[in-house]
Amino acid sequence: DGTPDLKEMMKVHTQFFNTSPFFHTIIAGFDLAMEEKDGVGSKDAVNGIKTGLMGPFAPLGDTIFGSLVPAIMGSVAATMAIAGQPWGIFLWIAVAVAYDIFRWKQLEFAYKEGVNLINNMQSTLTALIDAASVL
């Protein structure tokens, strides 16, 4: 609608944000929930959440969902194909669909529970960030 507040928040969302594509939906859900609750007043908190979570979530998501699972499932599907079992491709497709569903559900969960999760589970979130930083 072209309001100055909208323009200000759009500038916040065009700043650099680099994390795993498998966990960015959690961070986006938190941000959306905070923006809806506090409006432009949440600008600093949104930047803080993005900055604080993008680093720790990147190696966690990339390691598990970007490398480990595709390597295992690709090996299983390739072994099935070599053995002449064509349904291995359906297993590969099922994993891809499961990934998409997982990411969508993450966004829904983070949006619905975002503000409560951040407020009520601050210590757990800190422990998760510390654990992810070790990876």
C-alpha atoms as a PDB file:
ATOM      1  CA  ASP A   1       0.000   0.000   0.000  1.00  0.00           C
ATOM      2  CA  GLY A   2       3.033   2.280  -0.203  1.00  0.00           C
ATOM      3  CA  THR A   3       3.139   3.419   3.427  1.00  0.00           C
ATOM      4  CA  PRO A   4       6.491   4.495   4.885  1.00  0.00           C
ATOM      5  CA  ASP A   5       6.313   1.654   7.431  1.00  0.00           C
ATOM      6  CA  LEU A   6       5.897  -0.910   4.667  1.00  0.00           C
ATOM      7  CA  LYS A   7       8.823   0.562   2.774  1.00  0.00           C
ATOM      8  CA  GLU A   8      10.960   0.465   5.914  1.00  0.00           C
ATOM      9  CA  MET A   9      10.182  -3.204   6.591  1.00  0.00           C
ATOM     10  CA  MET A  10      10.768  -4.120   2.946  1.00  0.00           C
ATOM     11  CA  LYS A  11      14.249  -2.605   3.244  1.00  0.00           C
ATOM     12  CA  VAL A  12      14.859  -4.841   6.253  1.00  0.00           C
ATOM     13  CA  HIS A  13      13.916  -7.910   4.211  1.00  0.00           C
ATOM     14  CA  THR A  14      16.182  -7.017   1.304  1.00  0.00           C
ATOM     15  CA  GLN A  15      19.293  -7.008   3.480  1.00  0.00           C
ATOM     16  CA  PHE A  16      21.765  -9.875   3.252  1.00  0.00           C
ATOM     17  CA  PHE A  17      20.356 -13.111   4.679  1.00  0.00           C
ATOM     18  CA  ASN A  18      22.184 -16.353   3.992  1.00  0.00           C
ATOM     19  CA  THR A  19      21.253 -19.621   5.648  1.00  0.00           C
ATOM     20  CA  SER A  20      20.279 -23.158   4.763  1.00  0.00           C
ATOM     21  CA  PRO A  21      17.293 -23.388   2.426  1.00  0.00           C
ATOM     22  CA  PHE A  22      15.926 -26.106   4.687  1.00  0.00           C
ATOM     23  CA  PHE A  23      15.728 -23.935   7.804  1.00  0.00           C
ATOM     24  CA  HIS A  24      15.144 -20.460   6.406  1.00  0.00           C
ATOM     25  CA  THR A  25      11.410 -21.052   6.727  1.00  0.00           C
ATOM     26  CA  ILE A  26      11.708 -21.225  10.519  1.00  0.00           C
ATOM     27  CA  ILE A  27      13.460 -17.865  10.632  1.00  0.00           C
ATOM     28  CA  ALA A  28      10.993 -16.341   8.168  1.00  0.00           C
ATOM     29  CA  GLY A  29       8.072 -17.615  10.249  1.00  0.00           C
ATOM     30  CA  PHE A  30       9.497 -16.040  13.411  1.00  0.00           C
ATOM     31  CA  ASP A  31      10.001 -12.769  11.564  1.00  0.00           C
ATOM     32  CA  LEU A  32       6.496 -12.729  10.101  1.00  0.00           C
ATOM     33  CA  ALA A  33       4.908 -13.424  13.476  1.00  0.00           C
ATOM     34  CA  MET A  34       6.915 -10.650  15.130  1.00  0.00           C
ATOM     35  CA  GLU A  35       6.104  -8.174  12.371  1.00  0.00           C
ATOM     36  CA  GLU A  36       2.421  -8.945  12.527  1.00  0.00           C
ATOM     37  CA  LYS A  37       2.395  -8.448  16.289  1.00  0.00           C
ATOM     38  CA  ASP A  38       4.569  -5.335  16.604  1.00  0.00           C
ATOM     39  CA  GLY A  39       4.688  -3.825  13.113  1.00  0.00           C
ATOM     40  CA  VAL A  40       7.612  -1.571  12.290  1.00  0.00           C
ATOM     41  CA  GLY A  41       8.547  -1.569  15.977  1.00  0.00           C
ATOM     42  CA  SER A  42       9.900  -5.084  15.512  1.00  0.00           C
ATOM     43  CA  LYS A  43      12.492  -3.956  12.957  1.00  0.00           C
ATOM     44  CA  ASP A  44      15.475  -4.388  15.272  1.00  0.00           C
ATOM     45  CA  ALA A  45      14.169  -7.684  16.652  1.00  0.00           C
ATOM     46  CA  VAL A  46      13.653  -9.048  13.130  1.00  0.00           C
ATOM     47  CA  ASN A  47      17.222  -8.124  12.229  1.00  0.00           C
ATOM     48  CA  GLY A  48      18.432  -9.714  15.456  1.00  0.00           C
ATOM     49  CA  ILE A  49      16.580 -12.971  14.829  1.00  0.00           C
ATOM     50  CA  LYS A  50      17.875 -13.197  11.273  1.00  0.00           C
ATOM     51  CA  THR A  51      21.437 -12.384  12.275  1.00  0.00           C
ATOM     52  CA  GLY A  52      21.395 -14.672  15.293  1.00  0.00           C
ATOM     53  CA  LEU A  53      19.902 -17.727  13.616  1.00  0.00           C
ATOM     54  CA  MET A  54      21.187 -17.661  10.048  1.00  0.00           C
ATOM     55  CA  GLY A  55      24.725 -18.697  10.995  1.00  0.00           C
ATOM     56  CA  PRO A  56      23.904 -21.616  13.299  1.00  0.00           C
ATOM     57  CA  PHE A  57      21.094 -22.982  11.124  1.00  0.00           C
ATOM     58  CA  ALA A  58      23.185 -22.955   7.932  1.00  0.00           C
ATOM     59  CA  PRO A  59      25.590 -25.800   8.781  1.00  0.00           C
ATOM     60  CA  LEU A  60      22.887 -27.801  10.526  1.00  0.00           C
ATOM     61  CA  GLY A  61      20.507 -27.735   7.566  1.00  0.00           C
ATOM     62  CA  ASP A  62      23.195 -28.076   4.918  1.00  0.00           C
ATOM     63  CA  THR A  63      24.826 -31.036   6.642  1.00  0.00           C
ATOM     64  CA  ILE A  64      21.675 -33.016   7.354  1.00  0.00           C
ATOM     65  CA  PHE A  65      19.322 -32.057   4.546  1.00  0.00           C
ATOM     66  CA  GLY A  66      21.749 -30.865   1.905  1.00  0.00           C
ATOM     67  CA  SER A  67      24.368 -33.616   2.115  1.00  0.00           C
ATOM     68  CA  LEU A  68      23.576 -36.542   4.385  1.00  0.00           C
ATOM     69  CA  VAL A  69      20.009 -37.457   3.404  1.00  0.00           C
ATOM     70  CA  PRO A  70      20.457 -36.914  -0.373  1.00  0.00           C
ATOM     71  CA  ALA A  71      23.651 -39.001  -0.350  1.00  0.00           C
ATOM     72  CA  ILE A  72      21.999 -41.887   1.473  1.00  0.00           C
ATOM     73  CA  MET A  73      18.747 -41.785  -0.490  1.00  0.00           C
ATOM     74  CA  GLY A  74      20.593 -41.277  -3.783  1.00  0.00           C
ATOM     75  CA  SER A  75      22.739 -44.318  -3.053  1.00  0.00           C
ATOM     76  CA  VAL A  76      19.681 -46.411  -2.254  1.00  0.00           C
ATOM     77  CA  ALA A  77      17.865 -45.232  -5.403  1.00  0.00           C
ATOM     78  CA  ALA A  78      20.946 -45.804  -7.587  1.00  0.00           C
ATOM     79  CA  THR A  79      21.471 -49.283  -6.149  1.00  0.00           C
ATOM     80  CA  MET A  80      17.855 -50.128  -6.912  1.00  0.00           C
ATOM     81  CA  ALA A  81      18.222 -48.809 -10.461  1.00  0.00           C
ATOM     82  CA  ILE A  82      21.382 -50.843 -11.053  1.00  0.00           C
ATOM     83  CA  ALA A  83      19.571 -53.928  -9.757  1.00  0.00           C
ATOM     84  CA  GLY A  84      16.793 -53.293 -12.276  1.00  0.00           C
ATOM     85  CA  GLN A  85      14.205 -52.112  -9.767  1.00  0.00           C
ATOM     86  CA  PRO A  86      12.602 -49.003 -11.277  1.00  0.00           C
ATOM     87  CA  TRP A  87      10.688 -48.064  -8.135  1.00  0.00           C
ATOM     88  CA  GLY A  88      13.887 -46.587  -6.694  1.00  0.00           C
ATOM     89  CA  ILE A  89      13.058 -43.396  -8.583  1.00  0.00           C
ATOM     90  CA  PHE A  90       9.748 -43.219  -6.732  1.00  0.00           C
ATOM     91  CA  LEU A  91      11.642 -43.416  -3.454  1.00  0.00           C
ATOM     92  CA  TRP A  92      13.802 -40.482  -4.589  1.00  0.00           C
ATOM     93  CA  ILE A  93      10.699 -38.488  -5.574  1.00  0.00           C
ATOM     94  CA  ALA A  94       9.020 -39.328  -2.249  1.00  0.00           C
ATOM     95  CA  VAL A  95      12.000 -37.903  -0.366  1.00  0.00           C
ATOM     96  CA  ALA A  96      11.852 -34.699  -2.441  1.00  0.00           C
ATOM     97  CA  VAL A  97       8.129 -34.336  -1.715  1.00  0.00           C
ATOM     98  CA  ALA A  98       8.742 -35.000   1.995  1.00  0.00           C
ATOM     99  CA  TYR A  99      11.359 -32.216   1.999  1.00  0.00           C
ATOM    100  CA  ASP A 100       8.877 -29.755   0.542  1.00  0.00           C
ATOM    101  CA  ILE A 101       6.168 -30.732   3.030  1.00  0.00           C
ATOM    102  CA  PHE A 102       8.677 -30.453   5.884  1.00  0.00           C
ATOM    103  CA  ARG A 103       9.674 -26.945   4.838  1.00  0.00           C
ATOM    104  CA  TRP A 104       6.054 -25.811   4.477  1.00  0.00           C
ATOM    105  CA  LYS A 105       5.125 -27.204   7.894  1.00  0.00           C
ATOM    106  CA  GLN A 106       8.151 -25.465   9.422  1.00  0.00           C
ATOM    107  CA  LEU A 107       6.907 -22.119   8.131  1.00  0.00           C
ATOM    108  CA  GLU A 108       3.383 -22.734   9.443  1.00  0.00           C
ATOM    109  CA  PHE A 109       4.690 -23.811  12.847  1.00  0.00           C
ATOM    110  CA  ALA A 110       7.136 -20.932  13.200  1.00  0.00           C
ATOM    111  CA  TYR A 111       4.487 -18.405  12.148  1.00  0.00           C
ATOM    112  CA  LYS A 112       1.847 -19.726  14.555  1.00  0.00           C
ATOM    113  CA  GLU A 113       4.191 -20.231  17.480  1.00  0.00           C
ATOM    114  CA  GLY A 114       6.892 -17.692  16.613  1.00  0.00           C
ATOM    115  CA  VAL A 115       6.501 -15.044  19.300  1.00  0.00           C
ATOM    116  CA  ASN A 116       5.588 -17.572  22.006  1.00  0.00           C
ATOM    117  CA  LEU A 117       8.452 -19.845  21.045  1.00  0.00           C
ATOM    118  CA  ILE A 118      10.990 -17.046  21.190  1.00  0.00           C
ATOM    119  CA  ASN A 119       9.683 -15.719  24.512  1.00  0.00           C
ATOM    120  CA  ASN A 120       9.059 -19.031  26.279  1.00  0.00           C
ATOM    121  CA  MET A 121      11.921 -21.123  24.961  1.00  0.00           C
ATOM    122  CA  GLN A 122      14.780 -18.629  25.037  1.00  0.00           C
ATOM    123  CA  SER A 123      17.117 -20.996  26.915  1.00  0.00           C
ATOM    124  CA  THR A 124      16.351 -23.930  24.610  1.00  0.00           C
ATOM    125  CA  LEU A 125      16.882 -21.734  21.574  1.00  0.00           C
ATOM    126  CA  THR A 126      20.209 -20.563  22.986  1.00  0.00           C
ATOM    127  CA  ALA A 127      21.282 -24.180  23.580  1.00  0.00           C
ATOM    128  CA  LEU A 128      20.236 -25.115  20.032  1.00  0.00           C
ATOM    129  CA  ILE A 129      22.212 -22.227  18.577  1.00  0.00           C
ATOM    130  CA  ASP A 130      25.266 -23.183  20.639  1.00  0.00           C
ATOM    131  CA  ALA A 131      24.979 -26.824  19.559  1.00  0.00           C
ATOM    132  CA  ALA A 132      24.574 -25.867  15.905  1.00  0.00           C
ATOM    133  CA  SER A 133      27.596 -23.584  16.142  1.00  0.00           C
ATOM    134  CA  VAL A 134      29.743 -26.571  17.114  1.00  0.00           C
ATOM    135  CA  LEU A 135      28.775 -28.371  13.895  1.00  0.00           C
END
